[in-house]
Amino acid sequence: MKAFVVKGYGKDGLRAADVPEPEVGDGDVLVRVSAAGINPLDKMVRDGEFKRLLKYQTPFVLGHDAAGVVTRVGSAVRDFQVGDEVYARPRDLRIGTFAEYIAIDQDDVAPKPASLTLHEAAAVPLVSLAAWQALVDRAHAQPGQKVLVHAGSGGLGSTVIQLAKHLGATVATTASGANAELVRSLGADVVVDYAREDFAEVLSGYDVVLDSRGGENLEKSLTILKPGGQAIGVAGPPDPEFAKQLGAPRLMGAVMGLLSRKVRKQARKLGVSYSFLWMQANGAQLRELATLYDAGHLRPLIDKTFPFNQTLEGLAYVEQGRANGKVVVTLD
């Protein structure tokens, strides 16, 4: 089958290749991929940014989002059958959605939202799971709370805005002036034009910040939280809990503690907290999220689609950091 494979870490390490169809384990479903979402995470994995934690053996197929049709099921699979339309974010070390077929653990798969096409559904899994795990699992967001989402017009930010609004929060976001109406249409109550205003000077008293920038942006985000507030980072720095989540050696946990020591210390001084979020595959949560898409509480925001043979061009486009919403490659 045709796939895009990381043959060696680095910017030029991703190549089109012919590879064998994946083996299907007892608990797996084999999915013929109709479309695959492209995420900044794909670039990071391609470049080897997590190679000490995620022990991929090159060559491996890249890609973290997919929607498609089940073509085979393992002997232990009961909830899926051939012909089902599904969507998924495969678990770490079993990624590989930039391919014609992928075998996915049944626990990571869910029926796609009925209201979405397969191409639309491919844009959803990673960002919707990250939004859910940040706001529901981690922050326990409640009606009436104030949530700041950075980069509200991006794939993750646009999803977090919608979910936070559905959960009853007052939502602020940073965006360019050109995208102000777009993020308002998604549910943002307060829009800060990052080119004209400093969000840290105009916002205060927030319960939750979801930061996708890291660095100075994260440090400033701590200052707009009220006492007891939470800053949740998806761009780092990683914290010791992340090492535990991956089952990494204790030494790696100590290293991550050093990497995040500065920001965690700043957070403590301000009476707030910082934690790093690494989204995990979860088919049960995707089932729940599908009901929100079908009810109209969430909708995918897709900037651009590329044919499968232009996956490299699609990834280069995502790397520019200017996409409004998600970028998707299509195979059918």
C-alpha atoms as a PDB file:
ATOM      1  CA  MET A   1       0.000   0.000   0.000  1.00  0.00           C
ATOM      2  CA  LYS A   2       1.044   3.607  -0.414  1.00  0.00           C
ATOM      3  CA  ALA A   3       2.060   5.543   2.698  1.00  0.00           C
ATOM      4  CA  PHE A   4       4.176   8.441   3.903  1.00  0.00           C
ATOM      5  CA  VAL A   5       6.997   7.084   5.991  1.00  0.00           C
ATOM      6  CA  VAL A   6       9.548   8.659   8.342  1.00  0.00           C
ATOM      7  CA  LYS A   7      12.761   7.056   7.096  1.00  0.00           C
ATOM      8  CA  GLY A   8      14.971   9.184   9.323  1.00  0.00           C
ATOM      9  CA  TYR A   9      14.322  12.010  11.752  1.00  0.00           C
ATOM     10  CA  GLY A  10      14.468  15.529  10.360  1.00  0.00           C
ATOM     11  CA  LYS A  11      12.719  17.917   7.992  1.00  0.00           C
ATOM     12  CA  ASP A  12      13.528  15.821   4.932  1.00  0.00           C
ATOM     13  CA  GLY A  13      12.878  12.496   6.632  1.00  0.00           C
ATOM     14  CA  LEU A  14       9.289  11.979   5.461  1.00  0.00           C
ATOM     15  CA  ARG A  15       8.937  10.192   2.107  1.00  0.00           C
ATOM     16  CA  ALA A  16       6.277   8.482   0.017  1.00  0.00           C
ATOM     17  CA  ALA A  17       6.778   4.719  -0.002  1.00  0.00           C
ATOM     18  CA  ASP A  18       5.161   1.375  -0.732  1.00  0.00           C
ATOM     19  CA  VAL A  19       4.792  -0.652   2.464  1.00  0.00           C
ATOM     20  CA  PRO A  20       2.998  -3.886   3.397  1.00  0.00           C
ATOM     21  CA  GLU A  21      -0.571  -3.681   4.643  1.00  0.00           C
ATOM     22  CA  PRO A  22      -0.622  -3.713   8.454  1.00  0.00           C
ATOM     23  CA  GLU A  23      -1.186  -6.911  10.383  1.00  0.00           C
ATOM     24  CA  VAL A  24      -4.511  -7.079  12.210  1.00  0.00           C
ATOM     25  CA  GLY A  25      -4.387  -8.235  15.828  1.00  0.00           C
ATOM     26  CA  ASP A  26      -7.240  -9.910  17.699  1.00  0.00           C
ATOM     27  CA  GLY A  27      -8.381  -6.586  19.151  1.00  0.00           C
ATOM     28  CA  ASP A  28      -7.796  -4.475  16.040  1.00  0.00           C
ATOM     29  CA  VAL A  29      -9.941  -3.069  13.285  1.00  0.00           C
ATOM     30  CA  LEU A  30      -8.429  -2.536   9.836  1.00  0.00           C
ATOM     31  CA  VAL A  31      -9.535   0.800   8.412  1.00  0.00           C
ATOM     32  CA  ARG A  32      -9.344   1.872   4.788  1.00  0.00           C
ATOM     33  CA  VAL A  33      -8.420   5.513   5.262  1.00  0.00           C
ATOM     34  CA  SER A  34     -10.668   8.025   3.494  1.00  0.00           C
ATOM     35  CA  ALA A  35      -8.956  11.085   4.932  1.00  0.00           C
ATOM     36  CA  ALA A  36      -6.298  11.983   7.485  1.00  0.00           C
ATOM     37  CA  GLY A  37      -5.881  15.156   9.497  1.00  0.00           C
ATOM     38  CA  ILE A  38      -2.497  16.875   9.654  1.00  0.00           C
ATOM     39  CA  ASN A  39      -1.385  18.220  13.025  1.00  0.00           C
ATOM     40  CA  PRO A  40       1.627  20.159  14.333  1.00  0.00           C
ATOM     41  CA  LEU A  41       2.369  16.968  16.269  1.00  0.00           C
ATOM     42  CA  ASP A  42       3.196  15.246  12.980  1.00  0.00           C
ATOM     43  CA  LYS A  43       6.004  17.714  12.359  1.00  0.00           C
ATOM     44  CA  MET A  44       7.309  17.253  15.902  1.00  0.00           C
ATOM     45  CA  VAL A  45       7.350  13.458  15.649  1.00  0.00           C
ATOM     46  CA  ARG A  46       8.929  13.632  12.169  1.00  0.00           C
ATOM     47  CA  ASP A  47      11.704  15.805  13.542  1.00  0.00           C
ATOM     48  CA  GLY A  48      12.364  13.437  16.448  1.00  0.00           C
ATOM     49  CA  GLU A  49      11.386  15.850  19.210  1.00  0.00           C
ATOM     50  CA  PHE A  50      10.011  12.973  21.320  1.00  0.00           C
ATOM     51  CA  LYS A  51      12.383  10.223  20.249  1.00  0.00           C
ATOM     52  CA  ARG A  52      13.681   9.686  23.777  1.00  0.00           C
ATOM     53  CA  LEU A  53      10.142   9.075  25.010  1.00  0.00           C
ATOM     54  CA  LEU A  54       8.322   7.599  22.034  1.00  0.00           C
ATOM     55  CA  LYS A  55      10.513   4.792  20.762  1.00  0.00           C
ATOM     56  CA  TYR A  56       9.436   4.634  17.145  1.00  0.00           C
ATOM     57  CA  GLN A  57      11.590   2.393  15.000  1.00  0.00           C
ATOM     58  CA  THR A  58      12.331   4.019  11.662  1.00  0.00           C
ATOM     59  CA  PRO A  59      10.973   3.608   9.102  1.00  0.00           C
ATOM     60  CA  PHE A  60       7.423   4.161  10.399  1.00  0.00           C
ATOM     61  CA  VAL A  61       4.245   5.598   8.910  1.00  0.00           C
ATOM     62  CA  LEU A  62       3.332   9.074  10.183  1.00  0.00           C
ATOM     63  CA  GLY A  63      -0.124  10.504  10.924  1.00  0.00           C
ATOM     64  CA  HIS A  64      -2.295  10.865  14.021  1.00  0.00           C
ATOM     65  CA  ASP A  65      -5.882  11.441  12.737  1.00  0.00           C
ATOM     66  CA  ALA A  66      -8.040   9.324  10.445  1.00  0.00           C
ATOM     67  CA  ALA A  67     -11.546   8.595   9.285  1.00  0.00           C
ATOM     68  CA  GLY A  68     -12.460   5.714   7.039  1.00  0.00           C
ATOM     69  CA  VAL A  69     -14.275   2.420   6.558  1.00  0.00           C
ATOM     70  CA  VAL A  70     -13.665  -0.810   8.464  1.00  0.00           C
ATOM     71  CA  THR A  71     -12.528  -3.566   6.086  1.00  0.00           C
ATOM     72  CA  ARG A  72     -11.574  -6.279   8.591  1.00  0.00           C
ATOM     73  CA  VAL A  73     -11.940  -6.936  12.321  1.00  0.00           C
ATOM     74  CA  GLY A  74      -9.908  -9.057  14.719  1.00  0.00           C
ATOM     75  CA  SER A  75     -11.370 -12.115  16.388  1.00  0.00           C
ATOM     76  CA  ALA A  76     -11.930 -10.299  19.711  1.00  0.00           C
ATOM     77  CA  VAL A  77     -13.715  -7.277  18.208  1.00  0.00           C
ATOM     78  CA  ARG A  78     -17.439  -7.112  18.986  1.00  0.00           C
ATOM     79  CA  ASP A  79     -18.497  -3.486  18.538  1.00  0.00           C
ATOM     80  CA  PHE A  80     -17.395  -2.959  14.933  1.00  0.00           C
ATOM     81  CA  GLN A  81     -18.041  -4.763  11.689  1.00  0.00           C
ATOM     82  CA  VAL A  82     -16.941  -4.521   8.085  1.00  0.00           C
ATOM     83  CA  GLY A  83     -18.459  -1.470   6.414  1.00  0.00           C
ATOM     84  CA  ASP A  84     -18.651   0.734   9.526  1.00  0.00           C
ATOM     85  CA  GLU A  85     -17.584   4.338   9.050  1.00  0.00           C
ATOM     86  CA  VAL A  86     -15.259   5.268  11.911  1.00  0.00           C
ATOM     87  CA  TYR A  87     -12.833   7.897  13.117  1.00  0.00           C
ATOM     88  CA  ALA A  88      -9.857   7.655  15.459  1.00  0.00           C
ATOM     89  CA  ARG A  89      -6.663   9.037  16.873  1.00  0.00           C
ATOM     90  CA  PRO A  90      -4.529   5.881  17.156  1.00  0.00           C
ATOM     91  CA  ARG A  91      -2.499   5.528  20.333  1.00  0.00           C
ATOM     92  CA  ASP A  92       1.160   6.451  20.489  1.00  0.00           C
ATOM     93  CA  LEU A  93       3.505   3.897  18.932  1.00  0.00           C
ATOM     94  CA  ARG A  94       0.606   2.726  16.712  1.00  0.00           C
ATOM     95  CA  ILE A  95       0.158   5.872  14.646  1.00  0.00           C
ATOM     96  CA  GLY A  96       0.252   5.742  10.852  1.00  0.00           C
ATOM     97  CA  THR A  97      -2.785   7.421   9.306  1.00  0.00           C
ATOM     98  CA  PHE A  98      -0.884   8.778   6.282  1.00  0.00           C
ATOM     99  CA  ALA A  99      -1.533   5.483   4.535  1.00  0.00           C
ATOM    100  CA  GLU A 100      -4.184   3.660   2.574  1.00  0.00           C
ATOM    101  CA  TYR A 101      -4.852   1.307   5.499  1.00  0.00           C
ATOM    102  CA  ILE A 102      -4.200   1.324   9.226  1.00  0.00           C
ATOM    103  CA  ALA A 103      -4.847  -1.271  11.947  1.00  0.00           C
ATOM    104  CA  ILE A 104      -6.143   0.431  15.098  1.00  0.00           C
ATOM    105  CA  ASP A 105      -6.900  -0.954  18.551  1.00  0.00           C
ATOM    106  CA  GLN A 106     -10.675  -1.158  18.929  1.00  0.00           C
ATOM    107  CA  ASP A 107     -10.503   0.898  22.133  1.00  0.00           C
ATOM    108  CA  ASP A 108      -9.206   3.886  20.140  1.00  0.00           C
ATOM    109  CA  VAL A 109     -11.958   3.814  17.485  1.00  0.00           C
ATOM    110  CA  ALA A 110     -15.488   5.220  17.434  1.00  0.00           C
ATOM    111  CA  PRO A 111     -18.291   5.474  14.885  1.00  0.00           C
ATOM    112  CA  LYS A 112     -17.848   8.772  13.100  1.00  0.00           C
ATOM    113  CA  PRO A 113     -20.380  11.534  13.848  1.00  0.00           C
ATOM    114  CA  ALA A 114     -23.371  10.898  11.593  1.00  0.00           C
ATOM    115  CA  SER A 115     -23.595  14.587  10.688  1.00  0.00           C
ATOM    116  CA  LEU A 116     -20.031  14.731   9.322  1.00  0.00           C
ATOM    117  CA  THR A 117     -18.563  13.402   6.113  1.00  0.00           C
ATOM    118  CA  LEU A 118     -15.545  11.153   6.403  1.00  0.00           C
ATOM    119  CA  HIS A 119     -13.365  14.026   5.234  1.00  0.00           C
ATOM    120  CA  GLU A 120     -14.773  16.306   7.940  1.00  0.00           C
ATOM    121  CA  ALA A 121     -14.478  13.602  10.592  1.00  0.00           C
ATOM    122  CA  ALA A 122     -10.776  13.180   9.839  1.00  0.00           C
ATOM    123  CA  ALA A 123     -10.188  16.714  11.125  1.00  0.00           C
ATOM    124  CA  VAL A 124     -11.716  15.979  14.499  1.00  0.00           C
ATOM    125  CA  PRO A 125     -10.128  13.240  16.662  1.00  0.00           C
ATOM    126  CA  LEU A 126      -6.887  14.715  17.997  1.00  0.00           C
ATOM    127  CA  VAL A 127      -8.116  18.262  18.610  1.00  0.00           C
ATOM    128  CA  SER A 128     -11.463  17.230  20.082  1.00  0.00           C
ATOM    129  CA  LEU A 129      -9.837  14.719  22.426  1.00  0.00           C
ATOM    130  CA  ALA A 130      -7.274  17.322  23.496  1.00  0.00           C
ATOM    131  CA  ALA A 131     -10.038  19.856  24.142  1.00  0.00           C
ATOM    132  CA  TRP A 132     -12.086  17.334  26.151  1.00  0.00           C
ATOM    133  CA  GLN A 133      -9.137  16.103  28.185  1.00  0.00           C
ATOM    134  CA  ALA A 134      -8.048  19.668  28.948  1.00  0.00           C
ATOM    135  CA  LEU A 135     -11.406  21.169  29.838  1.00  0.00           C
ATOM    136  CA  VAL A 136     -13.350  18.208  31.227  1.00  0.00           C
ATOM    137  CA  ASP A 137     -10.766  15.773  32.588  1.00  0.00           C
ATOM    138  CA  ARG A 138      -8.095  18.219  33.718  1.00  0.00           C
ATOM    139  CA  ALA A 139      -9.773  21.585  34.407  1.00  0.00           C
ATOM    140  CA  HIS A 140     -13.252  20.304  35.346  1.00  0.00           C
ATOM    141  CA  ALA A 141     -14.656  23.410  33.646  1.00  0.00           C
ATOM    142  CA  GLN A 142     -17.931  24.646  35.118  1.00  0.00           C
ATOM    143  CA  PRO A 143     -20.644  27.019  33.931  1.00  0.00           C
ATOM    144  CA  GLY A 144     -19.766  30.605  34.753  1.00  0.00           C
ATOM    145  CA  GLN A 145     -16.012  30.098  34.743  1.00  0.00           C
ATOM    146  CA  LYS A 146     -13.690  32.137  32.551  1.00  0.00           C
ATOM    147  CA  VAL A 147     -11.480  30.325  30.050  1.00  0.00           C
ATOM    148  CA  LEU A 148      -8.727  31.799  27.873  1.00  0.00           C
ATOM    149  CA  VAL A 149      -7.810  29.888  24.721  1.00  0.00           C
ATOM    150  CA  HIS A 150      -4.751  31.022  22.800  1.00  0.00           C
ATOM    151  CA  ALA A 151      -4.673  30.871  18.985  1.00  0.00           C
ATOM    152  CA  GLY A 152      -8.430  30.568  18.714  1.00  0.00           C
ATOM    153  CA  SER A 153      -8.530  30.243  14.944  1.00  0.00           C
ATOM    154  CA  GLY A 154      -6.244  27.204  14.870  1.00  0.00           C
ATOM    155  CA  GLY A 155      -7.341  23.594  14.802  1.00  0.00           C
ATOM    156  CA  LEU A 156      -7.126  23.095  18.565  1.00  0.00           C
ATOM    157  CA  GLY A 157      -8.125  26.602  19.584  1.00  0.00           C
ATOM    158  CA  SER A 158     -11.258  26.603  17.447  1.00  0.00           C
ATOM    159  CA  THR A 159     -12.373  23.330  19.033  1.00  0.00           C
ATOM    160  CA  VAL A 160     -11.603  24.452  22.590  1.00  0.00           C
ATOM    161  CA  ILE A 161     -13.611  27.656  22.107  1.00  0.00           C
ATOM    162  CA  GLN A 162     -16.664  25.656  21.067  1.00  0.00           C
ATOM    163  CA  LEU A 163     -16.377  23.076  23.835  1.00  0.00           C
ATOM    164  CA  ALA A 164     -15.732  25.690  26.537  1.00  0.00           C
ATOM    165  CA  LYS A 165     -18.799  27.605  25.375  1.00  0.00           C
ATOM    166  CA  HIS A 166     -20.884  24.428  25.416  1.00  0.00           C
ATOM    167  CA  LEU A 167     -19.717  23.796  28.992  1.00  0.00           C
ATOM    168  CA  GLY A 168     -21.050  27.224  29.987  1.00  0.00           C
ATOM    169  CA  ALA A 169     -17.792  29.169  30.263  1.00  0.00           C
ATOM    170  CA  THR A 170     -17.116  32.750  29.293  1.00  0.00           C
ATOM    171  CA  VAL A 171     -14.471  32.355  26.602  1.00  0.00           C
ATOM    172  CA  ALA A 172     -11.648  34.705  25.638  1.00  0.00           C
ATOM    173  CA  THR A 173      -9.179  34.048  22.867  1.00  0.00           C
ATOM    174  CA  THR A 174      -6.184  35.575  21.144  1.00  0.00           C
ATOM    175  CA  ALA A 175      -6.381  35.890  17.367  1.00  0.00           C
ATOM    176  CA  SER A 176      -5.470  38.215  14.554  1.00  0.00           C
ATOM    177  CA  GLY A 177      -7.851  41.050  13.825  1.00  0.00           C
ATOM    178  CA  ALA A 178      -8.675  39.416  10.496  1.00  0.00           C
ATOM    179  CA  ASN A 179      -9.971  36.336  12.333  1.00  0.00           C
ATOM    180  CA  ALA A 180     -11.960  38.165  15.015  1.00  0.00           C
ATOM    181  CA  GLU A 181     -15.345  37.482  13.427  1.00  0.00           C
ATOM    182  CA  LEU A 182     -14.430  33.857  12.805  1.00  0.00           C
ATOM    183  CA  VAL A 183     -13.619  33.139  16.453  1.00  0.00           C
ATOM    184  CA  ARG A 184     -16.692  35.060  17.596  1.00  0.00           C
ATOM    185  CA  SER A 185     -18.802  32.846  15.352  1.00  0.00           C
ATOM    186  CA  LEU A 186     -17.327  29.843  17.192  1.00  0.00           C
ATOM    187  CA  GLY A 187     -18.400  31.246  20.553  1.00  0.00           C
ATOM    188  CA  ALA A 188     -15.613  33.544  21.763  1.00  0.00           C
ATOM    189  CA  ASP A 189     -16.963  36.298  24.029  1.00  0.00           C
ATOM    190  CA  VAL A 190     -13.718  38.292  24.210  1.00  0.00           C
ATOM    191  CA  VAL A 191     -11.235  38.549  21.358  1.00  0.00           C
ATOM    192  CA  VAL A 192      -7.774  40.008  21.900  1.00  0.00           C
ATOM    193  CA  ASP A 193      -5.978  41.048  18.709  1.00  0.00           C
ATOM    194  CA  TYR A 194      -2.466  39.875  19.516  1.00  0.00           C
ATOM    195  CA  ALA A 195      -0.962  42.295  17.008  1.00  0.00           C
ATOM    196  CA  ARG A 196      -2.476  45.312  18.753  1.00  0.00           C
ATOM    197  CA  GLU A 197      -2.975  44.318  22.388  1.00  0.00           C
ATOM    198  CA  ASP A 198      -1.153  42.456  25.135  1.00  0.00           C
ATOM    199  CA  PHE A 199      -3.599  39.920  26.526  1.00  0.00           C
ATOM    200  CA  ALA A 200      -1.873  40.081  29.926  1.00  0.00           C
ATOM    201  CA  GLU A 201      -2.778  43.766  30.194  1.00  0.00           C
ATOM    202  CA  VAL A 202      -6.449  43.447  29.272  1.00  0.00           C
ATOM    203  CA  LEU A 203      -7.480  40.122  30.847  1.00  0.00           C
ATOM    204  CA  SER A 204      -7.630  39.073  34.504  1.00  0.00           C
ATOM    205  CA  GLY A 205      -9.430  36.740  36.876  1.00  0.00           C
ATOM    206  CA  TYR A 206      -9.485  33.684  34.622  1.00  0.00           C
ATOM    207  CA  ASP A 207     -10.047  30.151  35.884  1.00  0.00           C
ATOM    208  CA  VAL A 208      -8.336  28.280  33.049  1.00  0.00           C
ATOM    209  CA  VAL A 209      -5.830  29.069  30.310  1.00  0.00           C
ATOM    210  CA  LEU A 210      -5.075  26.632  27.510  1.00  0.00           C
ATOM    211  CA  ASP A 211      -1.689  27.580  26.087  1.00  0.00           C
ATOM    212  CA  SER A 212      -0.411  26.285  22.761  1.00  0.00           C
ATOM    213  CA  ARG A 213       2.554  28.675  22.449  1.00  0.00           C
ATOM    214  CA  GLY A 214       4.825  27.984  25.395  1.00  0.00           C
ATOM    215  CA  GLY A 215       7.713  30.217  26.451  1.00  0.00           C
ATOM    216  CA  GLU A 216       6.930  33.829  27.302  1.00  0.00           C
ATOM    217  CA  ASN A 217       3.312  33.407  26.240  1.00  0.00           C
ATOM    218  CA  LEU A 218       2.836  30.711  28.873  1.00  0.00           C
ATOM    219  CA  GLU A 219       4.570  32.739  31.576  1.00  0.00           C
ATOM    220  CA  LYS A 220       2.345  35.745  30.874  1.00  0.00           C
ATOM    221  CA  SER A 221      -0.701  33.470  30.890  1.00  0.00           C
ATOM    222  CA  LEU A 222      -0.043  32.616  34.538  1.00  0.00           C
ATOM    223  CA  THR A 223      -0.525  36.265  35.488  1.00  0.00           C
ATOM    224  CA  ILE A 224      -4.113  36.502  34.225  1.00  0.00           C
ATOM    225  CA  LEU A 225      -5.308  33.572  36.334  1.00  0.00           C
ATOM    226  CA  LYS A 226      -7.170  34.090  39.570  1.00  0.00           C
ATOM    227  CA  PRO A 227      -5.859  32.303  42.692  1.00  0.00           C
ATOM    228  CA  GLY A 228      -6.345  28.580  42.248  1.00  0.00           C
ATOM    229  CA  GLY A 229      -6.526  28.903  38.474  1.00  0.00           C
ATOM    230  CA  GLN A 230      -4.957  26.444  36.074  1.00  0.00           C
ATOM    231  CA  ALA A 231      -2.664  26.918  33.106  1.00  0.00           C
ATOM    232  CA  ILE A 232      -2.642  23.864  30.854  1.00  0.00           C
ATOM    233  CA  GLY A 233       0.092  23.727  28.234  1.00  0.00           C
ATOM    234  CA  VAL A 234       0.120  21.609  25.093  1.00  0.00           C
ATOM    235  CA  ALA A 235       3.372  23.053  23.736  1.00  0.00           C
ATOM    236  CA  GLY A 236       5.436  22.424  26.840  1.00  0.00           C
ATOM    237  CA  PRO A 237       7.476  22.433  28.832  1.00  0.00           C
ATOM    238  CA  PRO A 238       6.710  18.831  29.848  1.00  0.00           C
ATOM    239  CA  ASP A 239       6.333  18.102  33.546  1.00  0.00           C
ATOM    240  CA  PRO A 240       7.101  15.024  35.681  1.00  0.00           C
ATOM    241  CA  GLU A 241       3.517  13.746  35.337  1.00  0.00           C
ATOM    242  CA  PHE A 242       4.059  13.448  31.594  1.00  0.00           C
ATOM    243  CA  ALA A 243       6.935  11.046  32.194  1.00  0.00           C
ATOM    244  CA  LYS A 244       4.677   8.970  34.456  1.00  0.00           C
ATOM    245  CA  GLN A 245       1.959   8.967  31.809  1.00  0.00           C
ATOM    246  CA  LEU A 246       4.374   7.516  29.261  1.00  0.00           C
ATOM    247  CA  GLY A 247       5.845   5.073  31.751  1.00  0.00           C
ATOM    248  CA  ALA A 248       9.272   6.640  31.263  1.00  0.00           C
ATOM    249  CA  PRO A 249      12.200   5.893  33.598  1.00  0.00           C
ATOM    250  CA  ARG A 250      12.424   7.890  36.826  1.00  0.00           C
ATOM    251  CA  LEU A 251      15.439   9.755  35.482  1.00  0.00           C
ATOM    252  CA  MET A 252      13.341  11.081  32.601  1.00  0.00           C
ATOM    253  CA  GLY A 253      10.792  12.344  35.115  1.00  0.00           C
ATOM    254  CA  ALA A 254      13.581  14.235  36.862  1.00  0.00           C
ATOM    255  CA  VAL A 255      14.676  15.737  33.542  1.00  0.00           C
ATOM    256  CA  MET A 256      11.136  16.909  32.820  1.00  0.00           C
ATOM    257  CA  GLY A 257      10.943  18.340  36.280  1.00  0.00           C
ATOM    258  CA  LEU A 258      13.978  20.470  35.490  1.00  0.00           C
ATOM    259  CA  LEU A 259      12.540  21.543  32.122  1.00  0.00           C
ATOM    260  CA  SER A 260       9.337  22.803  33.741  1.00  0.00           C
ATOM    261  CA  ARG A 261      10.829  23.942  37.044  1.00  0.00           C
ATOM    262  CA  LYS A 262      10.829  27.639  36.169  1.00  0.00           C
ATOM    263  CA  VAL A 263       7.200  27.854  35.082  1.00  0.00           C
ATOM    264  CA  ARG A 264       5.959  25.655  37.926  1.00  0.00           C
ATOM    265  CA  LYS A 265       7.829  27.846  40.412  1.00  0.00           C
ATOM    266  CA  GLN A 266       6.313  30.987  38.892  1.00  0.00           C
ATOM    267  CA  ALA A 267       2.869  29.393  39.091  1.00  0.00           C
ATOM    268  CA  ARG A 268       3.282  28.560  42.778  1.00  0.00           C
ATOM    269  CA  LYS A 269       4.312  32.139  43.566  1.00  0.00           C
ATOM    270  CA  LEU A 270       1.126  33.364  41.932  1.00  0.00           C
ATOM    271  CA  GLY A 271      -1.060  30.815  43.710  1.00  0.00           C
ATOM    272  CA  VAL A 272      -1.946  29.018  40.476  1.00  0.00           C
ATOM    273  CA  SER A 273      -0.882  25.773  38.825  1.00  0.00           C
ATOM    274  CA  TYR A 274       0.720  24.616  35.591  1.00  0.00           C
ATOM    275  CA  SER A 275       0.434  21.199  33.982  1.00  0.00           C
ATOM    276  CA  PHE A 276       1.431  19.762  30.629  1.00  0.00           C
ATOM    277  CA  LEU A 277      -1.206  17.943  28.593  1.00  0.00           C
ATOM    278  CA  TRP A 278      -0.355  15.091  26.255  1.00  0.00           C
ATOM    279  CA  MET A 279      -3.542  13.953  24.583  1.00  0.00           C
ATOM    280  CA  GLN A 280      -4.309  10.234  24.849  1.00  0.00           C
ATOM    281  CA  ALA A 281      -6.265   8.034  22.457  1.00  0.00           C
ATOM    282  CA  ASN A 282      -9.756   7.267  23.752  1.00  0.00           C
ATOM    283  CA  GLY A 283     -12.543   5.748  21.682  1.00  0.00           C
ATOM    284  CA  ALA A 284     -15.133   6.145  24.457  1.00  0.00           C
ATOM    285  CA  GLN A 285     -14.531   9.882  24.563  1.00  0.00           C
ATOM    286  CA  LEU A 286     -14.779  10.053  20.770  1.00  0.00           C
ATOM    287  CA  ARG A 287     -18.233   8.459  21.039  1.00  0.00           C
ATOM    288  CA  GLU A 288     -19.270  11.163  23.488  1.00  0.00           C
ATOM    289  CA  LEU A 289     -17.797  13.890  21.321  1.00  0.00           C
ATOM    290  CA  ALA A 290     -19.685  12.521  18.301  1.00  0.00           C
ATOM    291  CA  THR A 291     -22.951  13.318  20.077  1.00  0.00           C
ATOM    292  CA  LEU A 292     -21.807  16.931  20.478  1.00  0.00           C
ATOM    293  CA  TYR A 293     -21.008  17.216  16.782  1.00  0.00           C
ATOM    294  CA  ASP A 294     -24.331  15.657  15.831  1.00  0.00           C
ATOM    295  CA  ALA A 295     -26.186  17.998  18.196  1.00  0.00           C
ATOM    296  CA  GLY A 296     -24.508  21.021  16.606  1.00  0.00           C
ATOM    297  CA  HIS A 297     -22.551  22.033  19.704  1.00  0.00           C
ATOM    298  CA  LEU A 298     -19.278  21.439  17.870  1.00  0.00           C
ATOM    299  CA  ARG A 299     -18.349  21.756  14.213  1.00  0.00           C
ATOM    300  CA  PRO A 300     -15.079  21.073  12.433  1.00  0.00           C
ATOM    301  CA  LEU A 301     -13.182  24.014  11.040  1.00  0.00           C
ATOM    302  CA  ILE A 302     -11.217  22.988   7.955  1.00  0.00           C
ATOM    303  CA  ASP A 303      -8.844  25.420   6.302  1.00  0.00           C
ATOM    304  CA  LYS A 304      -7.697  23.382   3.332  1.00  0.00           C
ATOM    305  CA  THR A 305      -7.629  19.891   1.871  1.00  0.00           C
ATOM    306  CA  PHE A 306      -4.842  18.251  -0.121  1.00  0.00           C
ATOM    307  CA  PRO A 307      -4.920  15.055  -2.174  1.00  0.00           C
ATOM    308  CA  PHE A 308      -3.011  12.219  -0.562  1.00  0.00           C
ATOM    309  CA  ASN A 309      -0.106  12.466  -2.980  1.00  0.00           C
ATOM    310  CA  GLN A 310       0.443  16.035  -1.727  1.00  0.00           C
ATOM    311  CA  THR A 311       0.788  15.084   1.945  1.00  0.00           C
ATOM    312  CA  LEU A 312       4.243  16.672   2.096  1.00  0.00           C
ATOM    313  CA  GLU A 313       2.822  19.947   0.775  1.00  0.00           C
ATOM    314  CA  GLY A 314       0.019  19.726   3.335  1.00  0.00           C
ATOM    315  CA  LEU A 315       2.465  19.273   6.190  1.00  0.00           C
ATOM    316  CA  ALA A 316       4.560  22.195   4.929  1.00  0.00           C
ATOM    317  CA  TYR A 317       1.407  24.333   4.901  1.00  0.00           C
ATOM    318  CA  VAL A 318       0.634  23.378   8.525  1.00  0.00           C
ATOM    319  CA  GLU A 319       4.214  24.204   9.505  1.00  0.00           C
ATOM    320  CA  GLN A 320       3.641  27.806   8.405  1.00  0.00           C
ATOM    321  CA  GLY A 321       1.274  28.167  11.370  1.00  0.00           C
ATOM    322  CA  ARG A 322      -1.304  30.207   9.479  1.00  0.00           C
ATOM    323  CA  ALA A 323      -4.099  27.704   8.968  1.00  0.00           C
ATOM    324  CA  ASN A 324      -7.558  28.625  10.224  1.00  0.00           C
ATOM    325  CA  GLY A 325      -8.657  25.276  11.569  1.00  0.00           C
ATOM    326  CA  LYS A 326      -7.416  21.907  10.367  1.00  0.00           C
ATOM    327  CA  VAL A 327      -5.720  20.698   7.208  1.00  0.00           C
ATOM    328  CA  VAL A 328      -6.814  17.351   5.790  1.00  0.00           C
ATOM    329  CA  VAL A 329      -5.437  14.984   3.148  1.00  0.00           C
ATOM    330  CA  THR A 330      -7.967  12.925   1.229  1.00  0.00           C
ATOM    331  CA  LEU A 331      -7.533   9.447  -0.206  1.00  0.00           C
ATOM    332  CA  ASP A 332     -10.891   8.789  -1.904  1.00  0.00           C
END
